[in-house]
Amino acid sequence: MPLIPEEPQIHESAQGPRATPASGRTAPTPRPVPGPRSAAPSRPGRHGPLRPTPPVQRTPRDVAPKPGPSAPAVPVPAPAAPQVQLIPASAEGALDAAEEALDLLLDSGRAPGDVLVITTGEQHPWAAHELSFGEASYWAQHDAGDDVFYTDAGAADRATPRPVVVVAVNGGAVATALPVAQARAGALLIVCGDPQQINAVLGAGV
């Protein structure tokens, strides 16, 4: 007989604890854990302001060197006048004196393409010979610039400047020929002729 009242107590206790855990599980469901992650967007914000700042500093550096160039200082040095060397000679011997001066230049190591020979009067035999083949071939040798070039004062203004110019004063318009020859000489001007006539054109003390 005492077993009967104990059975309903076991069933009631079993139903009671089953209901309590179900209600307890519903309470812990709200978990606002993802809330603090909102602080993460501050990281991309930090990278944002750092990137625009360096280009602002680079732009003034690029602008600064542009107005800096001092171009006017370049044209200040004027071309130096060539050294003038006078070799006394008569009008008849001026051409031979010029040939001797040319030989000394080549023997001293001067390149043939550095020398221009100008006659104030009659043409040099080489120039007369080459012109017989036409002016095109004659000036083509001048443009090549690899050998001594001979010309007369009438065509000297067409010749390009060379480091050394040798002038044979063998007649002609010396007053106009010598300034042209001096303008073509880069470093050295050798004039073979009458010293008084040459000094009267180029100046005393030559």
C-alpha atoms as a PDB file:
ATOM      1  CA  MET A   1       0.000   0.000   0.000  1.00  0.00           C
ATOM      2  CA  PRO A   2       2.624   2.647   0.664  1.00  0.00           C
ATOM      3  CA  LEU A   3       3.897   2.318  -2.973  1.00  0.00           C
ATOM      4  CA  ILE A   4       0.782   3.954  -4.470  1.00  0.00           C
ATOM      5  CA  PRO A   5       1.237   7.480  -3.027  1.00  0.00           C
ATOM      6  CA  GLU A   6       4.899   7.512  -3.986  1.00  0.00           C
ATOM      7  CA  GLU A   7       4.275   6.973  -7.738  1.00  0.00           C
ATOM      8  CA  PRO A   8       2.322  10.242  -8.322  1.00  0.00           C
ATOM      9  CA  GLN A   9       5.030  12.183  -6.488  1.00  0.00           C
ATOM     10  CA  ILE A  10       7.730  10.838  -8.845  1.00  0.00           C
ATOM     11  CA  HIS A  11       5.729  11.847 -11.955  1.00  0.00           C
ATOM     12  CA  GLU A  12       5.007  15.344 -10.668  1.00  0.00           C
ATOM     13  CA  SER A  13       8.616  15.982  -9.784  1.00  0.00           C
ATOM     14  CA  ALA A  14       9.680  14.856 -13.233  1.00  0.00           C
ATOM     15  CA  GLN A  15       7.301  17.278 -14.939  1.00  0.00           C
ATOM     16  CA  GLY A  16       8.293  20.180 -12.707  1.00  0.00           C
ATOM     17  CA  PRO A  17      11.996  20.308 -13.481  1.00  0.00           C
ATOM     18  CA  ARG A  18      11.361  19.919 -17.265  1.00  0.00           C
ATOM     19  CA  ALA A  19       9.363  23.174 -17.340  1.00  0.00           C
ATOM     20  CA  THR A  20      11.868  25.173 -15.348  1.00  0.00           C
ATOM     21  CA  PRO A  21      14.856  24.611 -17.623  1.00  0.00           C
ATOM     22  CA  ALA A  22      12.779  25.551 -20.691  1.00  0.00           C
ATOM     23  CA  SER A  23      11.880  28.908 -19.164  1.00  0.00           C
ATOM     24  CA  GLY A  24      15.516  29.398 -18.054  1.00  0.00           C
ATOM     25  CA  ARG A  25      16.813  28.878 -21.607  1.00  0.00           C
ATOM     26  CA  THR A  26      14.674  31.644 -23.050  1.00  0.00           C
ATOM     27  CA  ALA A  27      16.178  34.252 -20.666  1.00  0.00           C
ATOM     28  CA  PRO A  28      19.842  34.045 -21.721  1.00  0.00           C
ATOM     29  CA  THR A  29      19.030  34.466 -25.446  1.00  0.00           C
ATOM     30  CA  PRO A  30      19.641  38.290 -25.633  1.00  0.00           C
ATOM     31  CA  ARG A  31      23.402  38.675 -26.106  1.00  0.00           C
ATOM     32  CA  PRO A  32      24.446  42.140 -27.296  1.00  0.00           C
ATOM     33  CA  VAL A  33      28.032  41.012 -27.980  1.00  0.00           C
ATOM     34  CA  PRO A  34      28.400  42.442 -31.550  1.00  0.00           C
ATOM     35  CA  GLY A  35      27.877  45.949 -30.171  1.00  0.00           C
ATOM     36  CA  PRO A  36      31.549  46.815 -29.372  1.00  0.00           C
ATOM     37  CA  ARG A  37      32.617  45.958 -32.930  1.00  0.00           C
ATOM     38  CA  SER A  38      31.344  49.364 -34.011  1.00  0.00           C
ATOM     39  CA  ALA A  39      34.704  50.754 -32.879  1.00  0.00           C
ATOM     40  CA  ALA A  40      36.411  48.992 -35.806  1.00  0.00           C
ATOM     41  CA  PRO A  41      35.510  51.630 -38.476  1.00  0.00           C
ATOM     42  CA  SER A  42      37.837  54.054 -36.709  1.00  0.00           C
ATOM     43  CA  ARG A  43      40.829  52.126 -38.184  1.00  0.00           C
ATOM     44  CA  PRO A  44      40.070  52.888 -41.839  1.00  0.00           C
ATOM     45  CA  GLY A  45      39.441  56.462 -40.805  1.00  0.00           C
ATOM     46  CA  ARG A  46      43.033  56.690 -39.515  1.00  0.00           C
ATOM     47  CA  HIS A  47      44.473  55.528 -42.807  1.00  0.00           C
ATOM     48  CA  GLY A  48      42.324  58.002 -44.697  1.00  0.00           C
ATOM     49  CA  PRO A  49      43.765  61.255 -43.311  1.00  0.00           C
ATOM     50  CA  LEU A  50      47.380  59.998 -43.481  1.00  0.00           C
ATOM     51  CA  ARG A  51      47.273  59.378 -47.233  1.00  0.00           C
ATOM     52  CA  PRO A  52      46.214  62.872 -48.349  1.00  0.00           C
ATOM     53  CA  THR A  53      48.815  64.603 -46.184  1.00  0.00           C
ATOM     54  CA  PRO A  54      52.018  63.339 -47.916  1.00  0.00           C
ATOM     55  CA  PRO A  55      50.974  64.421 -51.433  1.00  0.00           C
ATOM     56  CA  VAL A  56      50.374  67.945 -50.138  1.00  0.00           C
ATOM     57  CA  GLN A  57      54.001  68.098 -48.985  1.00  0.00           C
ATOM     58  CA  ARG A  58      55.343  66.650 -52.267  1.00  0.00           C
ATOM     59  CA  THR A  59      53.608  69.171 -54.502  1.00  0.00           C
ATOM     60  CA  PRO A  60      55.444  72.232 -53.125  1.00  0.00           C
ATOM     61  CA  ARG A  61      58.765  70.411 -53.497  1.00  0.00           C
ATOM     62  CA  ASP A  62      58.086  69.834 -57.183  1.00  0.00           C
ATOM     63  CA  VAL A  63      57.048  73.439 -57.710  1.00  0.00           C
ATOM     64  CA  ALA A  64      60.084  74.876 -55.929  1.00  0.00           C
ATOM     65  CA  PRO A  65      62.828  73.702 -58.379  1.00  0.00           C
ATOM     66  CA  LYS A  66      60.951  75.024 -61.424  1.00  0.00           C
ATOM     67  CA  PRO A  67      61.491  78.739 -60.788  1.00  0.00           C
ATOM     68  CA  GLY A  68      65.025  78.029 -59.592  1.00  0.00           C
ATOM     69  CA  PRO A  69      66.962  77.733 -62.910  1.00  0.00           C
ATOM     70  CA  SER A  70      69.295  80.662 -63.484  1.00  0.00           C
ATOM     71  CA  ALA A  71      69.363  80.666 -67.280  1.00  0.00           C
ATOM     72  CA  PRO A  72      70.665  84.229 -67.713  1.00  0.00           C
ATOM     73  CA  ALA A  73      74.010  83.227 -66.184  1.00  0.00           C
ATOM     74  CA  VAL A  74      74.829  80.948 -69.147  1.00  0.00           C
ATOM     75  CA  PRO A  75      75.195  83.555 -71.910  1.00  0.00           C
ATOM     76  CA  VAL A  76      77.428  85.748 -69.748  1.00  0.00           C
ATOM     77  CA  PRO A  77      80.799  84.318 -70.913  1.00  0.00           C
ATOM     78  CA  ALA A  78      81.625  85.907 -74.245  1.00  0.00           C
ATOM     79  CA  PRO A  79      83.584  83.948 -76.866  1.00  0.00           C
ATOM     80  CA  ALA A  80      87.277  84.560 -76.458  1.00  0.00           C
ATOM     81  CA  ALA A  81      89.096  86.169 -79.354  1.00  0.00           C
ATOM     82  CA  PRO A  82      91.485  83.854 -81.195  1.00  0.00           C
ATOM     83  CA  GLN A  83      95.207  84.194 -80.746  1.00  0.00           C
ATOM     84  CA  VAL A  84      96.767  85.976 -83.724  1.00  0.00           C
ATOM     85  CA  GLN A  85     100.140  84.927 -85.078  1.00  0.00           C
ATOM     86  CA  LEU A  86     101.826  87.013 -87.782  1.00  0.00           C
ATOM     87  CA  ILE A  87     104.288  85.532 -90.271  1.00  0.00           C
ATOM     88  CA  PRO A  88     105.976  88.232 -92.370  1.00  0.00           C
ATOM     89  CA  ALA A  89     105.820  87.459 -96.069  1.00  0.00           C
ATOM     90  CA  SER A  90     105.464  89.243 -99.389  1.00  0.00           C
ATOM     91  CA  ALA A  91     102.316  88.938-101.466  1.00  0.00           C
ATOM     92  CA  GLU A  92     104.166  86.532-103.782  1.00  0.00           C
ATOM     93  CA  GLY A  93     105.513  84.391-100.913  1.00  0.00           C
ATOM     94  CA  ALA A  94     102.418  84.469 -98.697  1.00  0.00           C
ATOM     95  CA  LEU A  95     101.071  81.227-100.136  1.00  0.00           C
ATOM     96  CA  ASP A  96     104.336  79.369 -99.511  1.00  0.00           C
ATOM     97  CA  ALA A  97     104.493  80.760 -95.975  1.00  0.00           C
ATOM     98  CA  ALA A  98     100.964  79.543 -95.343  1.00  0.00           C
ATOM     99  CA  GLU A  99     101.921  76.057 -96.574  1.00  0.00           C
ATOM    100  CA  GLU A 100     104.881  75.990 -94.198  1.00  0.00           C
ATOM    101  CA  ALA A 101     102.688  77.079 -91.298  1.00  0.00           C
ATOM    102  CA  LEU A 102     100.203  74.346 -92.197  1.00  0.00           C
ATOM    103  CA  ASP A 103     102.946  71.709 -92.204  1.00  0.00           C
ATOM    104  CA  LEU A 104     104.066  72.819 -88.741  1.00  0.00           C
ATOM    105  CA  LEU A 105     100.521  72.581 -87.460  1.00  0.00           C
ATOM    106  CA  LEU A 106     100.025  69.052 -88.796  1.00  0.00           C
ATOM    107  CA  ASP A 107     103.441  67.939 -87.527  1.00  0.00           C
ATOM    108  CA  SER A 108     102.580  69.228 -84.049  1.00  0.00           C
ATOM    109  CA  GLY A 109      99.532  66.948 -83.962  1.00  0.00           C
ATOM    110  CA  ARG A 110      96.791  69.296 -85.133  1.00  0.00           C
ATOM    111  CA  ALA A 111      94.039  67.397 -86.952  1.00  0.00           C
ATOM    112  CA  PRO A 112      93.658  68.306 -90.643  1.00  0.00           C
ATOM    113  CA  GLY A 113      89.946  68.886 -90.168  1.00  0.00           C
ATOM    114  CA  ASP A 114      90.734  71.648 -87.656  1.00  0.00           C
ATOM    115  CA  VAL A 115      92.432  73.901 -90.227  1.00  0.00           C
ATOM    116  CA  LEU A 116      90.914  76.311 -92.737  1.00  0.00           C
ATOM    117  CA  VAL A 117      93.211  78.039 -95.259  1.00  0.00           C
ATOM    118  CA  ILE A 118      92.006  81.308 -96.798  1.00  0.00           C
ATOM    119  CA  THR A 119      93.648  83.245 -99.617  1.00  0.00           C
ATOM    120  CA  THR A 120      92.883  86.949 -99.955  1.00  0.00           C
ATOM    121  CA  GLY A 121      93.787  87.070-103.653  1.00  0.00           C
ATOM    122  CA  GLU A 122      94.295  84.254-106.122  1.00  0.00           C
ATOM    123  CA  GLN A 123      92.794  80.898-105.164  1.00  0.00           C
ATOM    124  CA  HIS A 124      94.890  78.112-103.745  1.00  0.00           C
ATOM    125  CA  PRO A 125      95.769  75.507-106.426  1.00  0.00           C
ATOM    126  CA  TRP A 126      93.883  72.836-104.499  1.00  0.00           C
ATOM    127  CA  ALA A 127      90.706  74.936-104.384  1.00  0.00           C
ATOM    128  CA  ALA A 128      90.953  75.742-108.087  1.00  0.00           C
ATOM    129  CA  HIS A 129      91.411  72.055-108.887  1.00  0.00           C
ATOM    130  CA  GLU A 130      88.462  70.896-106.777  1.00  0.00           C
ATOM    131  CA  LEU A 131      86.168  73.612-108.100  1.00  0.00           C
ATOM    132  CA  SER A 132      86.803  72.290-111.597  1.00  0.00           C
ATOM    133  CA  PHE A 133      84.628  69.300-110.619  1.00  0.00           C
ATOM    134  CA  GLY A 134      81.788  71.556-109.510  1.00  0.00           C
ATOM    135  CA  GLU A 135      80.860  73.456-106.392  1.00  0.00           C
ATOM    136  CA  ALA A 136      78.717  70.586-105.074  1.00  0.00           C
ATOM    137  CA  SER A 137      81.647  68.215-104.657  1.00  0.00           C
ATOM    138  CA  TYR A 138      83.881  71.069-103.504  1.00  0.00           C
ATOM    139  CA  TRP A 139      81.602  72.088-100.613  1.00  0.00           C
ATOM    140  CA  ALA A 140      80.823  68.459 -99.843  1.00  0.00           C
ATOM    141  CA  GLN A 141      84.450  68.081 -98.775  1.00  0.00           C
ATOM    142  CA  HIS A 142      84.044  71.154 -96.622  1.00  0.00           C
ATOM    143  CA  ASP A 143      80.968  69.703 -94.947  1.00  0.00           C
ATOM    144  CA  ALA A 144      82.781  66.407 -94.318  1.00  0.00           C
ATOM    145  CA  GLY A 145      85.254  68.315 -92.135  1.00  0.00           C
ATOM    146  CA  ASP A 146      87.876  65.558 -92.123  1.00  0.00           C
ATOM    147  CA  ASP A 147      90.640  67.364 -94.056  1.00  0.00           C
ATOM    148  CA  VAL A 148      92.201  70.781 -94.562  1.00  0.00           C
ATOM    149  CA  PHE A 149      89.879  73.007 -96.557  1.00  0.00           C
ATOM    150  CA  TYR A 150      91.085  75.773 -98.882  1.00  0.00           C
ATOM    151  CA  THR A 151      88.952  78.704 -99.960  1.00  0.00           C
ATOM    152  CA  ASP A 152      89.316  82.305-101.036  1.00  0.00           C
ATOM    153  CA  ALA A 153      88.119  85.402 -99.247  1.00  0.00           C
ATOM    154  CA  GLY A 154      85.109  85.707-101.527  1.00  0.00           C
ATOM    155  CA  ALA A 155      83.645  82.416-100.298  1.00  0.00           C
ATOM    156  CA  ALA A 156      85.125  82.406 -96.782  1.00  0.00           C
ATOM    157  CA  ASP A 157      81.904  83.654 -95.256  1.00  0.00           C
ATOM    158  CA  ARG A 158      80.266  80.403 -96.402  1.00  0.00           C
ATOM    159  CA  ALA A 159      82.819  78.277 -94.558  1.00  0.00           C
ATOM    160  CA  THR A 160      82.069  77.164 -91.030  1.00  0.00           C
ATOM    161  CA  PRO A 161      84.420  78.191 -88.203  1.00  0.00           C
ATOM    162  CA  ARG A 162      87.370  75.948 -87.395  1.00  0.00           C
ATOM    163  CA  PRO A 163      89.837  75.970 -84.502  1.00  0.00           C
ATOM    164  CA  VAL A 164      92.704  77.233 -86.702  1.00  0.00           C
ATOM    165  CA  VAL A 165      92.569  79.555 -89.705  1.00  0.00           C
ATOM    166  CA  VAL A 166      95.622  80.252 -91.859  1.00  0.00           C
ATOM    167  CA  VAL A 167      95.445  83.303 -94.121  1.00  0.00           C
ATOM    168  CA  ALA A 168      97.708  83.904 -97.103  1.00  0.00           C
ATOM    169  CA  VAL A 169      97.642  87.642 -97.839  1.00  0.00           C
ATOM    170  CA  ASN A 170      98.425  87.356-101.549  1.00  0.00           C
ATOM    171  CA  GLY A 171      96.538  90.420-102.756  1.00  0.00           C
ATOM    172  CA  GLY A 172      92.875  91.245-103.084  1.00  0.00           C
ATOM    173  CA  ALA A 173      90.691  93.110-100.619  1.00  0.00           C
ATOM    174  CA  VAL A 174      92.684  92.499 -97.464  1.00  0.00           C
ATOM    175  CA  ALA A 175      90.637  94.945 -95.380  1.00  0.00           C
ATOM    176  CA  THR A 176      87.482  92.858 -95.822  1.00  0.00           C
ATOM    177  CA  ALA A 177      89.130  89.425 -95.974  1.00  0.00           C
ATOM    178  CA  LEU A 178      90.954  89.544 -92.640  1.00  0.00           C
ATOM    179  CA  PRO A 179      87.888  90.306 -90.460  1.00  0.00           C
ATOM    180  CA  VAL A 180      86.051  87.405 -92.103  1.00  0.00           C
ATOM    181  CA  ALA A 181      89.003  85.110 -91.460  1.00  0.00           C
ATOM    182  CA  GLN A 182      89.241  86.263 -87.853  1.00  0.00           C
ATOM    183  CA  ALA A 183      85.554  85.508 -87.335  1.00  0.00           C
ATOM    184  CA  ARG A 184      86.107  81.937 -88.604  1.00  0.00           C
ATOM    185  CA  ALA A 185      89.064  81.243 -86.285  1.00  0.00           C
ATOM    186  CA  GLY A 186      88.147  79.562 -83.041  1.00  0.00           C
ATOM    187  CA  ALA A 187      91.489  79.442 -81.192  1.00  0.00           C
ATOM    188  CA  LEU A 188      94.318  80.509 -83.534  1.00  0.00           C
ATOM    189  CA  LEU A 189      94.604  82.852 -86.517  1.00  0.00           C
ATOM    190  CA  ILE A 190      97.826  82.713 -88.516  1.00  0.00           C
ATOM    191  CA  VAL A 191      98.273  85.526 -91.025  1.00  0.00           C
ATOM    192  CA  CYS A 192     101.042  85.356 -93.604  1.00  0.00           C
ATOM    193  CA  GLY A 193     101.712  88.692 -95.326  1.00  0.00           C
ATOM    194  CA  ASP A 194     102.906  92.256 -94.976  1.00  0.00           C
ATOM    195  CA  PRO A 195     103.023  93.131 -91.231  1.00  0.00           C
ATOM    196  CA  GLN A 196     102.133  96.805 -91.761  1.00  0.00           C
ATOM    197  CA  GLN A 197      99.151  95.942 -93.900  1.00  0.00           C
ATOM    198  CA  ILE A 198      97.953  93.307 -91.429  1.00  0.00           C
ATOM    199  CA  ASN A 199      98.366  95.594 -88.395  1.00  0.00           C
ATOM    200  CA  ALA A 200      96.429  98.324 -90.154  1.00  0.00           C
ATOM    201  CA  VAL A 201      93.425  95.956 -90.439  1.00  0.00           C
ATOM    202  CA  LEU A 202      93.590  93.882 -87.263  1.00  0.00           C
ATOM    203  CA  GLY A 203      95.159  96.514 -85.024  1.00  0.00           C
ATOM    204  CA  ALA A 204      98.632  97.404 -83.894  1.00  0.00           C
ATOM    205  CA  GLY A 205     100.635  94.934 -81.867  1.00  0.00           C
ATOM    206  CA  VAL A 206      99.571  91.817 -83.782  1.00  0.00           C
END
